[in-house]
PDB file of N, CA and C in Angstrom:
ATOM      1  N   UNK A   1     207.018  11.669 231.648  1.00  0.00           N
ATOM      2  CA  UNK A   1     207.155  11.874 230.225  1.00  0.00           C
ATOM      3  C   UNK A   1     205.945  11.251 229.537  1.00  0.00           C
ATOM      4  N   UNK A   2     205.391  11.976 228.616  1.00  0.00           N
ATOM      5  CA  UNK A   2     204.238  11.518 227.849  1.00  0.00           C
ATOM      6  C   UNK A   2     204.644  10.402 226.891  1.00  0.00           C
ATOM      7  N   UNK A   3     203.698   9.557 226.567  1.00  0.00           N
ATOM      8  CA  UNK A   3     203.963   8.480 225.621  1.00  0.00           C
ATOM      9  C   UNK A   3     204.444   9.058 224.288  1.00  0.00           C
ATOM     10  N   UNK A   4     205.425   8.397 223.704  1.00  0.00           N
ATOM     11  CA  UNK A   4     206.056   8.770 222.436  1.00  0.00           C
ATOM     12  C   UNK A   4     206.853  10.076 222.516  1.00  0.00           C
ATOM     13  N   UNK A   5     207.218  10.505 223.707  1.00  0.00           N
ATOM     14  CA  UNK A   5     208.059  11.698 223.858  1.00  0.00           C
ATOM     15  C   UNK A   5     209.531  11.305 223.773  1.00  0.00           C
ATOM     16  N   UNK A   6     210.315  12.185 223.166  1.00  0.00           N
ATOM     17  CA  UNK A   6     211.762  11.971 223.125  1.00  0.00           C
ATOM     18  C   UNK A   6     212.368  12.369 224.465  1.00  0.00           C
ATOM     19  N   UNK A   7     213.318  11.576 224.925  1.00  0.00           N
ATOM     20  CA  UNK A   7     214.040  11.889 226.156  1.00  0.00           C
ATOM     21  C   UNK A   7     215.191  12.830 225.820  1.00  0.00           C
ATOM     22  N   UNK A   8     215.472  13.743 226.709  1.00  0.00           N
ATOM     23  CA  UNK A   8     216.543  14.723 226.477  1.00  0.00           C
ATOM     24  C   UNK A   8     217.898  14.083 226.789  1.00  0.00           C
ATOM     25  N   UNK A   9     218.460  13.441 225.789  1.00  0.00           N
ATOM     26  CA  UNK A   9     219.743  12.763 225.924  1.00  0.00           C
ATOM     27  C   UNK A   9     220.533  12.932 224.628  1.00  0.00           C
ATOM     28  N   UNK A  10     221.846  12.694 224.659  1.00  0.00           N
ATOM     29  CA  UNK A  10     222.628  12.785 223.420  1.00  0.00           C
ATOM     30  C   UNK A  10     222.057  11.881 222.315  1.00  0.00           C
ATOM     31  N   UNK A  11     221.653  10.665 222.679  1.00  0.00           N
ATOM     32  CA  UNK A  11     220.945   9.785 221.752  1.00  0.00           C
ATOM     33  C   UNK A  11     219.532   9.656 222.314  1.00  0.00           C
ATOM     34  N   UNK A  12     218.594  10.450 221.826  1.00  0.00           N
ATOM     35  CA  UNK A  12     217.271  10.491 222.459  1.00  0.00           C
ATOM     36  C   UNK A  12     216.458   9.220 222.239  1.00  0.00           C
ATOM     37  N   UNK A  13     216.141   8.580 223.351  1.00  0.00           N
ATOM     38  CA  UNK A  13     215.227   7.451 223.318  1.00  0.00           C
ATOM     39  C   UNK A  13     213.807   7.983 223.377  1.00  0.00           C
ATOM     40  N   UNK A  14     212.851   7.131 223.045  1.00  0.00           N
ATOM     41  CA  UNK A  14     211.450   7.527 223.012  1.00  0.00           C
ATOM     42  C   UNK A  14     210.693   6.770 224.106  1.00  0.00           C
ATOM     43  N   UNK A  15     209.868   7.484 224.856  1.00  0.00           N
ATOM     44  CA  UNK A  15     208.987   6.846 225.824  1.00  0.00           C
ATOM     45  C   UNK A  15     207.962   6.031 225.036  1.00  0.00           C
ATOM     46  N   UNK A  16     208.076   4.710 225.124  1.00  0.00           N
ATOM     47  CA  UNK A  16     207.352   3.820 224.217  1.00  0.00           C
ATOM     48  C   UNK A  16     206.561   2.764 224.964  1.00  0.00           C
ATOM     49  N   UNK A  17     205.299   2.562 224.595  1.00  0.00           N
ATOM     50  CA  UNK A  17     204.565   1.444 225.180  1.00  0.00           C
ATOM     51  C   UNK A  17     205.213   0.126 224.749  1.00  0.00           C
ATOM     52  N   UNK A  18     205.285  -0.813 225.668  1.00  0.00           N
ATOM     53  CA  UNK A  18     205.873  -2.120 225.367  1.00  0.00           C
ATOM     54  C   UNK A  18     204.897  -3.211 225.782  1.00  0.00           C
ATOM     55  N   UNK A  19     205.167  -4.403 225.300  1.00  0.00           N
ATOM     56  CA  UNK A  19     204.332  -5.555 225.636  1.00  0.00           C
ATOM     57  C   UNK A  19     204.975  -6.332 226.780  1.00  0.00           C
ATOM     58  N   UNK A  20     204.145  -7.067 227.544  1.00  0.00           N
ATOM     59  CA  UNK A  20     204.668  -7.845 228.665  1.00  0.00           C
ATOM     60  C   UNK A  20     205.685  -8.874 228.195  1.00  0.00           C
ATOM     61  N   UNK A  21     205.501  -9.444 227.006  1.00  0.00           N
ATOM     62  CA  UNK A  21     206.473 -10.432 226.520  1.00  0.00           C
ATOM     63  C   UNK A  21     207.840  -9.781 226.297  1.00  0.00           C
ATOM     64  N   UNK A  22     207.870  -8.500 225.964  1.00  0.00           N
ATOM     65  CA  UNK A  22     209.143  -7.791 225.813  1.00  0.00           C
ATOM     66  C   UNK A  22     209.806  -7.585 227.171  1.00  0.00           C
ATOM     67  N   UNK A  23     209.008  -7.296 228.181  1.00  0.00           N
ATOM     68  CA  UNK A  23     209.544  -7.142 229.540  1.00  0.00           C
ATOM     69  C   UNK A  23     210.134  -8.471 230.012  1.00  0.00           C
ATOM     70  N   UNK A  24     209.388  -9.560 229.813  1.00  0.00           N
ATOM     71  CA  UNK A  24     209.882 -10.879 230.226  1.00  0.00           C
ATOM     72  C   UNK A  24     211.174 -11.246 229.500  1.00  0.00           C
ATOM     73  N   UNK A  25     211.251 -10.949 228.211  1.00  0.00           N
ATOM     74  CA  UNK A  25     212.460 -11.253 227.443  1.00  0.00           C
ATOM     75  C   UNK A  25     213.653 -10.454 227.960  1.00  0.00           C
ATOM     76  N   UNK A  26     213.440  -9.178 228.272  1.00  0.00           N
ATOM     77  CA  UNK A  26     214.524  -8.342 228.800  1.00  0.00           C
ATOM     78  C   UNK A  26     214.977  -8.848 230.170  1.00  0.00           C
ATOM     79  N   UNK A  27     214.024  -9.264 231.008  1.00  0.00           N
ATOM     80  CA  UNK A  27     214.380  -9.810 232.321  1.00  0.00           C
ATOM     81  C   UNK A  27     215.149 -11.120 232.180  1.00  0.00           C
ATOM     82  N   UNK A  28     214.684 -11.971 231.279  1.00  0.00           N
ATOM     83  CA  UNK A  28     215.341 -13.264 231.071  1.00  0.00           C
ATOM     84  C   UNK A  28     216.794 -13.081 230.637  1.00  0.00           C
ATOM     85  N   UNK A  29     217.032 -12.078 229.795  1.00  0.00           N
ATOM     86  CA  UNK A  29     218.386 -11.816 229.304  1.00  0.00           C
ATOM     87  C   UNK A  29     219.147 -10.820 230.181  1.00  0.00           C
ATOM     88  N   UNK A  30     218.488 -10.308 231.225  1.00  0.00           N
ATOM     89  CA  UNK A  30     219.086  -9.277 232.089  1.00  0.00           C
ATOM     90  C   UNK A  30     219.632  -8.130 231.257  1.00  0.00           C
ATOM     91  N   UNK A  31     218.814  -7.674 230.300  1.00  0.00           N
ATOM     92  CA  UNK A  31     219.265  -6.637 229.365  1.00  0.00           C
ATOM     93  C   UNK A  31     218.188  -5.560 229.218  1.00  0.00           C
ATOM     94  N   UNK A  32     218.293  -4.518 230.030  1.00  0.00           N
ATOM     95  CA  UNK A  32     217.319  -3.420 229.983  1.00  0.00           C
ATOM     96  C   UNK A  32     217.377  -2.663 228.659  1.00  0.00           C
ATOM     97  N   UNK A  33     218.497  -2.748 227.962  1.00  0.00           N
ATOM     98  CA  UNK A  33     218.625  -2.057 226.665  1.00  0.00           C
ATOM     99  C   UNK A  33     217.607  -2.566 225.642  1.00  0.00           C
ATOM    100  N   UNK A  34     217.104  -3.770 225.834  1.00  0.00           N
ATOM    101  CA  UNK A  34     216.087  -4.305 224.924  1.00  0.00           C
ATOM    102  C   UNK A  34     214.797  -3.502 224.992  1.00  0.00           C
ATOM    103  N   UNK A  35     214.666  -2.676 226.019  1.00  0.00           N
ATOM    104  CA  UNK A  35     213.463  -1.866 226.209  1.00  0.00           C
ATOM    105  C   UNK A  35     213.695  -0.392 225.898  1.00  0.00           C
ATOM    106  N   UNK A  36     214.817  -0.077 225.271  1.00  0.00           N
ATOM    107  CA  UNK A  36     215.131   1.296 224.879  1.00  0.00           C
ATOM    108  C   UNK A  36     215.031   1.406 223.361  1.00  0.00           C
ATOM    109  N   UNK A  37     214.284   2.407 222.889  1.00  0.00           N
ATOM    110  CA  UNK A  37     214.034   2.550 221.459  1.00  0.00           C
ATOM    111  C   UNK A  37     214.289   3.972 221.010  1.00  0.00           C
ATOM    112  N   UNK A  38     214.992   4.121 219.876  1.00  0.00           N
ATOM    113  CA  UNK A  38     215.150   5.454 219.303  1.00  0.00           C
ATOM    114  C   UNK A  38     213.955   5.728 218.386  1.00  0.00           C
ATOM    115  N   UNK A  39     213.873   6.927 217.838  1.00  0.00           N
ATOM    116  CA  UNK A  39     212.676   7.305 217.098  1.00  0.00           C
ATOM    117  C   UNK A  39     212.459   6.455 215.847  1.00  0.00           C
ATOM    118  N   UNK A  40     213.544   6.043 215.192  1.00  0.00           N
ATOM    119  CA  UNK A  40     213.388   5.210 214.001  1.00  0.00           C
ATOM    120  C   UNK A  40     212.836   3.832 214.357  1.00  0.00           C
ATOM    121  N   UNK A  41     213.312   3.277 215.469  1.00  0.00           N
ATOM    122  CA  UNK A  41     212.800   1.988 215.926  1.00  0.00           C
ATOM    123  C   UNK A  41     211.317   2.089 216.285  1.00  0.00           C
ATOM    124  N   UNK A  42     210.951   3.193 216.918  1.00  0.00           N
ATOM    125  CA  UNK A  42     209.551   3.371 217.318  1.00  0.00           C
ATOM    126  C   UNK A  42     208.649   3.485 216.091  1.00  0.00           C
ATOM    127  N   UNK A  43     209.099   4.201 215.087  1.00  0.00           N
ATOM    128  CA  UNK A  43     208.300   4.298 213.861  1.00  0.00           C
ATOM    129  C   UNK A  43     208.088   2.920 213.233  1.00  0.00           C
ATOM    130  N   UNK A  44     209.142   2.093 213.228  1.00  0.00           N
ATOM    131  CA  UNK A  44     209.011   0.728 212.688  1.00  0.00           C
ATOM    132  C   UNK A  44     208.083  -0.114 213.556  1.00  0.00           C
ATOM    133  N   UNK A  45     208.195   0.043 214.890  1.00  0.00           N
ATOM    134  CA  UNK A  45     207.332  -0.725 215.806  1.00  0.00           C
ATOM    135  C   UNK A  45     205.863  -0.388 215.588  1.00  0.00           C
ATOM    136  N   UNK A  46     205.559   0.898 215.477  1.00  0.00           N
ATOM    137  CA  UNK A  46     204.164   1.313 215.289  1.00  0.00           C
ATOM    138  C   UNK A  46     203.634   0.796 213.955  1.00  0.00           C
ATOM    139  N   UNK A  47     204.479   0.816 212.938  1.00  0.00           N
ATOM    140  CA  UNK A  47     204.060   0.294 211.633  1.00  0.00           C
ATOM    141  C   UNK A  47     203.764  -1.208 211.721  1.00  0.00           C
ATOM    142  N   UNK A  48     204.591  -1.931 212.481  1.00  0.00           N
ATOM    143  CA  UNK A  48     204.455  -3.383 212.594  1.00  0.00           C
ATOM    144  C   UNK A  48     203.366  -3.803 213.600  1.00  0.00           C
ATOM    145  N   UNK A  49     203.366  -3.190 214.791  1.00  0.00           N
ATOM    146  CA  UNK A  49     202.493  -3.616 215.879  1.00  0.00           C
ATOM    147  C   UNK A  49     201.251  -2.749 216.055  1.00  0.00           C
ATOM    148  N   UNK A  50     201.225  -1.597 215.395  1.00  0.00           N
ATOM    149  CA  UNK A  50     200.157  -0.642 215.642  1.00  0.00           C
ATOM    150  C   UNK A  50     200.486   0.183 216.875  1.00  0.00           C
ATOM    151  N   UNK A  51     199.585   1.059 217.232  1.00  0.00           N
ATOM    152  CA  UNK A  51     199.782   1.932 218.393  1.00  0.00           C
ATOM    153  C   UNK A  51     199.377   1.173 219.651  1.00  0.00           C
ATOM    154  N   UNK A  52     200.359   0.694 220.409  1.00  0.00           N
ATOM    155  CA  UNK A  52     200.074  -0.058 221.626  1.00  0.00           C
ATOM    156  C   UNK A  52     199.402   0.798 222.697  1.00  0.00           C
ATOM    157  N   UNK A  53     199.504   2.094 222.576  1.00  0.00           N
ATOM    158  CA  UNK A  53     198.873   2.996 223.542  1.00  0.00           C
ATOM    159  C   UNK A  53     197.433   3.325 223.145  1.00  0.00           C
ATOM    160  N   UNK A  54     197.079   3.100 221.897  1.00  0.00           N
ATOM    161  CA  UNK A  54     195.768   3.458 221.368  1.00  0.00           C
ATOM    162  C   UNK A  54     194.579   3.017 222.204  1.00  0.00           C
ATOM    163  N   UNK A  55     194.545   1.768 222.704  1.00  0.00           N
ATOM    164  CA  UNK A  55     193.381   1.337 223.487  1.00  0.00           C
ATOM    165  C   UNK A  55     193.103   2.194 224.725  1.00  0.00           C
ATOM    166  N   UNK A  56     194.134   2.802 225.269  1.00  0.00           N
ATOM    167  CA  UNK A  56     193.948   3.653 226.450  1.00  0.00           C
ATOM    168  C   UNK A  56     193.020   4.831 226.130  1.00  0.00           C
ATOM    169  N   UNK A  57     193.041   5.266 224.891  1.00  0.00           N
ATOM    170  CA  UNK A  57     192.239   6.427 224.499  1.00  0.00           C
ATOM    171  C   UNK A  57     190.756   6.098 224.327  1.00  0.00           C
ATOM    172  N   UNK A  58     190.430   4.817 224.169  1.00  0.00           N
ATOM    173  CA  UNK A  58     189.028   4.459 223.915  1.00  0.00           C
ATOM    174  C   UNK A  58     188.424   3.522 224.956  1.00  0.00           C
ATOM    175  N   UNK A  59     189.243   2.818 225.735  1.00  0.00           N
ATOM    176  CA  UNK A  59     188.714   1.909 226.748  1.00  0.00           C
ATOM    177  C   UNK A  59     188.024   2.701 227.852  1.00  0.00           C
ATOM    178  N   UNK A  60     186.836   2.271 228.204  1.00  0.00           N
ATOM    179  CA  UNK A  60     186.112   2.907 229.301  1.00  0.00           C
ATOM    180  C   UNK A  60     186.547   2.243 230.607  1.00  0.00           C
ATOM    181  N   UNK A  61     186.861   3.053 231.587  1.00  0.00           N
ATOM    182  CA  UNK A  61     187.277   2.536 232.877  1.00  0.00           C
ATOM    183  C   UNK A  61     186.387   3.141 233.952  1.00  0.00           C
ATOM    184  N   UNK A  62     186.148   2.368 234.981  1.00  0.00           N
ATOM    185  CA  UNK A  62     185.367   2.868 236.110  1.00  0.00           C
ATOM    186  C   UNK A  62     186.298   3.042 237.304  1.00  0.00           C
ATOM    187  N   UNK A  63     186.256   4.201 237.869  1.00  0.00           N
ATOM    188  CA  UNK A  63     187.046   4.465 239.067  1.00  0.00           C
ATOM    189  C   UNK A  63     186.218   4.098 240.291  1.00  0.00           C
ATOM    190  N   UNK A  64     186.880   3.635 241.335  1.00  0.00           N
ATOM    191  CA  UNK A  64     186.130   3.295 242.547  1.00  0.00           C
ATOM    192  C   UNK A  64     185.539   4.552 243.180  1.00  0.00           C
ATOM    193  N   UNK A  65     184.440   4.362 243.875  1.00  0.00           N
ATOM    194  CA  UNK A  65     183.811   5.454 244.609  1.00  0.00           C
ATOM    195  C   UNK A  65     184.634   5.684 245.875  1.00  0.00           C
ATOM    196  N   UNK A  66     185.515   6.657 245.832  1.00  0.00           N
ATOM    197  CA  UNK A  66     186.428   6.896 246.945  1.00  0.00           C
ATOM    198  C   UNK A  66     185.699   7.339 248.205  1.00  0.00           C
ATOM    199  N   UNK A  67     184.582   8.021 248.039  1.00  0.00           N
ATOM    200  CA  UNK A  67     183.803   8.457 249.197  1.00  0.00           C
ATOM    201  C   UNK A  67     183.271   7.241 249.950  1.00  0.00           C
ATOM    202  N   UNK A  68     182.767   6.242 249.216  1.00  0.00           N
ATOM    203  CA  UNK A  68     182.254   5.031 249.857  1.00  0.00           C
ATOM    204  C   UNK A  68     183.368   4.249 250.547  1.00  0.00           C
ATOM    205  N   UNK A  69     184.525   4.204 249.913  1.00  0.00           N
ATOM    206  CA  UNK A  69     185.661   3.496 250.511  1.00  0.00           C
ATOM    207  C   UNK A  69     186.107   4.198 251.798  1.00  0.00           C
ATOM    208  N   UNK A  70     186.144   5.523 251.750  1.00  0.00           N
ATOM    209  CA  UNK A  70     186.557   6.310 252.919  1.00  0.00           C
ATOM    210  C   UNK A  70     185.582   6.101 254.076  1.00  0.00           C
ATOM    211  N   UNK A  71     184.292   6.035 253.775  1.00  0.00           N
ATOM    212  CA  UNK A  71     183.278   5.853 254.821  1.00  0.00           C
ATOM    213  C   UNK A  71     183.360   4.485 255.473  1.00  0.00           C
ATOM    214  N   UNK A  72     183.887   3.486 254.780  1.00  0.00           N
ATOM    215  CA  UNK A  72     184.038   2.142 255.333  1.00  0.00           C
ATOM    216  C   UNK A  72     185.205   2.083 256.323  1.00  0.00           C
ATOM    217  N   UNK A  73     186.149   2.978 256.169  1.00  0.00           N
ATOM    218  CA  UNK A  73     187.360   2.938 256.995  1.00  0.00           C
ATOM    219  C   UNK A  73     187.138   3.408 258.408  1.00  0.00           C
TER     220      UNK A  73
END
């Protein structure tokens, strides 16, 4: 599912980028529901936190040279 896509459910949750501190909090409380967001919650999150996925669109990444890695094997 693409980021910010609605899930096909009776109460559609949104595929939402989250922060590591949110993951740790959900684990600490053993509550996965803390990581489920409906569309209204996501709109509020983006307004408050900005687009957490945004950096992915502009960060330059270098992929390893797979040919060189294969030749070493």
